[in-house]
Each structure stands twice: as structure tokens, then as C-alpha cells.
Amino acid sequence: MIKVLLAEDQGMMRGALALLLGLEEDIEVVAQVGAGDEIVPAAIEARPDVALLDIELPGRSGLDAAAELRTRCPGCRVLILTTFGRPGYLRRAMEAGAAGFLVKDGPVEELAAAIRRVLAGETVIDPALAAAALSAGPNPLTAREADVLGAAVDGATVADIAAGVHLSESTVRNYLSSAIGKTGTRNRMEAARAARRQGWL
């Protein structure tokens, strides 16, 4: 049996996925979590073969959890399943060590096949998303620019951002200015929206 951990914050979707995967003769869902910070502890306890992770989860993103799973549970393969097929997310998932990336609008048979394939050592990526990621190019933002821009998403002031990321206000302004230039936008709110759309944040 292929043991699967399922991380999905919407209870109905999580239950439906578990039920559908449970109908497969060779797949058993051994753990279900609704928050990102529950993934690694659940994986350590259940020892799944494959972790099926959403990206946008409360507590912690699936991408951050994927990176930690690589070191804490090296025998567990990660398959990202998300509503948001953004090129930047795909790149970040691969950098975090994910073995696959699918969007949620595909058939369940495709998901079950992907679980089997990643366990066999293959990399499984939604073809349309792979093409979009190649055409989008790499993330132009540095890690610090992304941190500052991420902190600006909710309309925080420069002073708030500076306190949150432990930088001076002038340094924050420089990073914001650079991020605005790299995203080709007019202000930090547009830059944050553009970066989110691409999956860079």
C-alpha cells in the first residue's frame, strides 16, 4: 500500500480527496491535516510514502513544509496539489524538493497515477504549467526584496515593514523601489499583487 499524507485546509475538499483516494486499491490515506504547521509532525508520526500538499495553508505554506520534509522525512516524496497554478509556485516547489506539481481541476485518476509515479521516482508536472513557468522566466526578486514586498501586502507602512523585517526604513524603501522596478509596476501594492500573481511571494 502507498501511504499518503493529505494537507488541505478546506475540510470538505480534504474529506472528498481522502475518500476518492481511498477507493484506489493500492493507496491508503494515513494522515490528514488542515494547517501547514501540522504537516511535519504528522509526517514524522505517520511516515507516509507521499505527502500531498496544498500551498496556501494556515500556519505555514505547503512549500515551506515541503522543504523541511526533505530533511526530516527523506523517504517521503512531496506532490503539490493547488488551485493556484502559478509559474513562481512551480519553481519554488521544485527548489523545495517537491517531486510533482498538479492543479486541482484535473481528474482524480490523474492524481492517483501521479502519486504512483512520484513514488516510482518520476517528476510529475502539469504540462500547461510547465510551459508557463518556462516562458515566465526566473523570479527576479531577491529573498530580501520578496520579504519586504510580502510584508507590504496588507498596506503596512514603511515603519511597520522595517520593524517586522528588522531593517532600517531607508533600506526598506530601497528594497521596495527595486521590487517595483523589477515587477514593472507603479507602487508597492501593485508590485505585491504582481509578485503574488506570479507566485513569487
Protein backbone atom coordinates (compact mmCIF):
# COMPACT_ATOMS: atom_id res chain seq x y z
CA MET A 1 0.00 0.00 0.00
CA ILE A 2 1.11 3.55 -0.76
CA LYS A 3 0.73 5.59 2.41
CA VAL A 4 -0.38 9.19 1.76
CA LEU A 5 -0.47 12.29 3.98
CA LEU A 6 -3.05 14.84 2.85
CA ALA A 7 -2.70 18.56 3.71
CA GLU A 8 -5.69 20.68 2.63
CA ASP A 9 -7.29 23.49 4.63
CA GLN A 10 -10.83 23.11 3.24
CA GLY A 11 -12.46 20.31 5.22
CA MET A 12 -14.90 19.24 2.51
CA MET A 13 -12.17 19.10 -0.14
CA ARG A 14 -9.85 17.20 2.21
CA GLY A 15 -12.57 14.67 3.02
CA ALA A 16 -13.51 14.21 -0.63
CA LEU A 17 -9.89 13.69 -1.68
CA ALA A 18 -9.32 11.18 1.11
CA LEU A 19 -12.47 9.30 0.13
CA LEU A 20 -11.61 9.22 -3.56
CA LEU A 21 -8.01 8.18 -2.99
CA GLY A 22 -9.21 5.53 -0.54
CA LEU A 23 -11.12 3.90 -3.41
CA GLU A 24 -7.81 3.09 -5.09
CA GLU A 25 -6.70 -0.45 -4.25
CA ASP A 26 -3.08 0.48 -3.59
CA ILE A 27 -3.46 3.85 -1.80
CA GLU A 28 -4.19 4.50 1.88
CA VAL A 29 -4.55 7.98 3.38
CA VAL A 30 -2.74 7.61 6.72
CA ALA A 31 -2.90 11.25 7.89
CA GLN A 32 -4.98 14.34 7.17
CA VAL A 33 -4.12 17.88 8.30
CA GLY A 34 -5.73 21.26 7.74
CA ALA A 35 -2.80 23.57 8.57
CA GLY A 36 0.75 23.89 7.27
CA ASP A 37 2.38 23.74 10.69
CA GLU A 38 0.78 20.31 11.27
CA ILE A 39 2.42 18.69 8.21
CA VAL A 40 5.88 17.81 9.51
CA PRO A 41 4.73 16.46 12.92
CA ALA A 42 2.04 14.34 11.19
CA ALA A 43 4.59 13.04 8.68
CA ILE A 44 7.07 12.12 11.42
CA GLU A 45 4.33 10.16 13.19
CA ALA A 46 2.59 8.52 10.18
CA ARG A 47 5.68 8.00 7.96
CA PRO A 48 3.84 8.45 4.63
CA ASP A 49 5.37 7.48 1.29
CA VAL A 50 3.87 10.56 -0.38
CA ALA A 51 2.78 13.90 1.10
CA LEU A 52 0.05 15.59 -0.93
CA LEU A 53 0.27 19.28 -0.02
CA ASP A 54 -1.72 22.39 -0.82
CA ILE A 55 0.36 25.60 -0.97
CA GLU A 56 -1.74 28.22 0.78
CA LEU A 57 -2.42 26.81 4.23
CA PRO A 58 -2.96 28.48 7.60
CA GLY A 59 0.07 28.48 9.89
CA ARG A 60 2.66 27.73 7.23
CA SER A 61 2.78 27.31 3.46
CA GLY A 62 2.98 23.87 1.90
CA LEU A 63 6.17 24.99 0.13
CA ASP A 64 7.91 25.72 3.45
CA ALA A 65 6.74 22.39 4.85
CA ALA A 66 7.98 20.60 1.71
CA ALA A 67 11.49 21.95 2.26
CA GLU A 68 11.52 20.72 5.87
CA LEU A 69 10.10 17.32 4.90
CA ARG A 70 13.09 16.81 2.63
CA THR A 71 15.41 16.81 5.65
CA ARG A 72 13.10 15.47 8.40
CA CYS A 73 11.41 12.70 6.35
CA PRO A 74 13.75 11.99 3.42
CA GLY A 75 11.80 8.86 2.43
CA CYS A 76 8.64 10.90 1.82
CA ARG A 77 8.03 12.23 -1.71
CA VAL A 78 6.13 15.53 -1.98
CA LEU A 79 3.39 16.20 -4.51
CA ILE A 80 1.97 19.73 -4.56
CA LEU A 81 -1.74 19.95 -5.41
CA THR A 82 -3.02 23.50 -5.64
CA THR A 83 -5.76 25.71 -7.00
CA PHE A 84 -3.13 28.28 -7.95
CA GLY A 85 -1.15 27.16 -10.99
CA ARG A 86 1.38 30.00 -10.85
CA PRO A 87 4.78 29.67 -12.53
CA GLY A 88 6.61 31.07 -9.50
CA TYR A 89 4.96 28.49 -7.25
CA LEU A 90 6.16 25.70 -9.52
CA ARG A 91 9.74 26.96 -9.39
CA ARG A 92 9.61 27.35 -5.62
CA ALA A 93 8.11 23.87 -5.22
CA MET A 94 10.90 22.31 -7.26
CA GLU A 95 13.52 24.25 -5.25
CA ALA A 96 11.90 22.92 -2.06
CA GLY A 97 12.35 19.36 -3.31
CA ALA A 98 8.81 18.57 -4.50
CA ALA A 99 8.57 15.63 -6.90
CA GLY A 100 5.37 16.82 -8.53
CA PHE A 101 3.04 19.76 -9.05
CA LEU A 102 -0.58 19.47 -10.17
CA VAL A 103 -3.57 21.83 -10.22
CA LYS A 104 -6.81 20.74 -8.56
CA ASP A 105 -9.02 20.82 -11.64
CA GLY A 106 -7.66 17.52 -13.01
CA PRO A 107 -9.41 14.13 -12.69
CA VAL A 108 -8.80 12.00 -9.58
CA GLU A 109 -7.43 9.17 -11.74
CA GLU A 110 -4.67 11.53 -12.84
CA LEU A 111 -3.89 12.32 -9.20
CA ALA A 112 -3.70 8.65 -8.24
CA ALA A 113 -1.42 7.98 -11.21
CA ALA A 114 0.78 10.95 -10.20
CA ILE A 115 1.10 9.55 -6.66
CA ARG A 116 2.29 6.23 -8.08
CA ARG A 117 4.68 7.94 -10.48
CA VAL A 118 6.38 10.18 -7.88
CA LEU A 119 6.78 7.17 -5.60
CA ALA A 120 8.49 5.37 -8.51
CA GLY A 121 11.00 8.24 -8.70
CA GLU A 122 9.47 10.29 -11.51
CA THR A 123 8.82 14.02 -11.52
CA VAL A 124 5.22 14.85 -12.43
CA ILE A 125 4.32 18.39 -13.52
CA ASP A 126 1.14 19.75 -15.04
CA PRO A 127 2.18 20.27 -18.72
CA ALA A 128 0.45 23.64 -19.19
CA LEU A 129 2.02 24.97 -16.01
CA ALA A 130 5.48 23.71 -17.02
CA ALA A 131 5.19 25.63 -20.30
CA ALA A 132 4.03 28.78 -18.47
CA ALA A 133 6.92 28.53 -16.00
CA LEU A 134 9.46 28.26 -18.80
CA SER A 135 8.06 31.30 -20.58
CA ALA A 136 7.79 33.34 -17.35
CA GLY A 137 11.49 33.02 -16.57
CA PRO A 138 13.06 33.02 -13.10
CA ASN A 139 11.92 35.06 -10.13
CA PRO A 140 13.70 38.44 -10.43
CA LEU A 141 13.25 39.32 -6.75
CA THR A 142 15.98 38.70 -4.21
CA ALA A 143 14.99 36.94 -0.98
CA ARG A 144 15.11 40.25 0.90
CA GLU A 145 13.02 42.07 -1.72
CA ALA A 146 10.44 39.29 -1.51
CA ASP A 147 10.40 39.51 2.31
CA VAL A 148 9.86 43.27 2.25
CA LEU A 149 7.24 43.10 -0.51
CA GLY A 150 5.45 40.27 1.32
CA ALA A 151 5.31 42.44 4.44
CA ALA A 152 3.83 45.27 2.36
CA VAL A 153 0.90 43.21 1.07
CA ASP A 154 -1.58 44.29 3.74
CA GLY A 155 -0.90 48.00 3.28
CA ALA A 156 1.64 48.25 6.10
CA THR A 157 3.61 51.48 6.44
CA VAL A 158 7.35 51.60 5.78
CA ALA A 159 7.90 51.88 9.54
CA ASP A 160 5.75 48.77 10.16
CA ILE A 161 7.60 46.82 7.48
CA ALA A 162 11.00 47.92 8.81
CA ALA A 163 10.08 46.76 12.33
CA GLY A 164 8.70 43.47 11.02
CA VAL A 165 11.74 42.52 8.92
CA HIS A 166 14.35 44.13 11.24
CA LEU A 167 15.73 46.61 8.71
CA SER A 168 16.06 50.39 8.64
CA GLU A 169 13.31 52.39 6.93
CA SER A 170 15.72 53.63 4.24
CA THR A 171 16.76 50.04 3.45
CA VAL A 172 13.09 49.01 3.22
CA ARG A 173 12.42 51.90 0.81
CA ASN A 174 15.37 50.78 -1.34
CA TYR A 175 14.10 47.19 -1.47
CA LEU A 176 10.56 48.33 -2.28
CA SER A 177 11.82 50.62 -5.02
CA SER A 178 13.88 47.81 -6.52
CA ALA A 179 10.92 45.38 -6.37
CA ILE A 180 8.62 47.94 -8.03
CA GLY A 181 11.16 48.37 -10.83
CA LYS A 182 11.61 44.62 -11.33
CA THR A 183 7.86 43.97 -11.47
CA GLY A 184 7.26 46.91 -13.84
CA THR A 185 4.59 48.38 -11.58
CA ARG A 186 3.84 51.85 -10.23
CA ASN A 187 3.74 51.30 -6.46
CA ARG A 188 4.34 48.71 -3.78
CA MET A 189 0.72 47.47 -3.69
CA GLU A 190 0.78 46.81 -7.45
CA ALA A 191 4.20 45.20 -7.09
CA ALA A 192 2.95 42.90 -4.32
CA ARG A 193 -0.11 41.93 -6.38
CA ALA A 194 2.02 41.25 -9.47
CA ALA A 195 4.50 39.16 -7.46
CA ARG A 196 1.66 37.15 -5.88
CA ARG A 197 0.10 36.54 -9.32
CA GLN A 198 3.40 35.08 -10.50
CA GLY A 199 3.81 33.01 -7.33
CA TRP A 200 6.98 34.84 -6.27
CA LEU A 201 5.57 35.60 -2.79
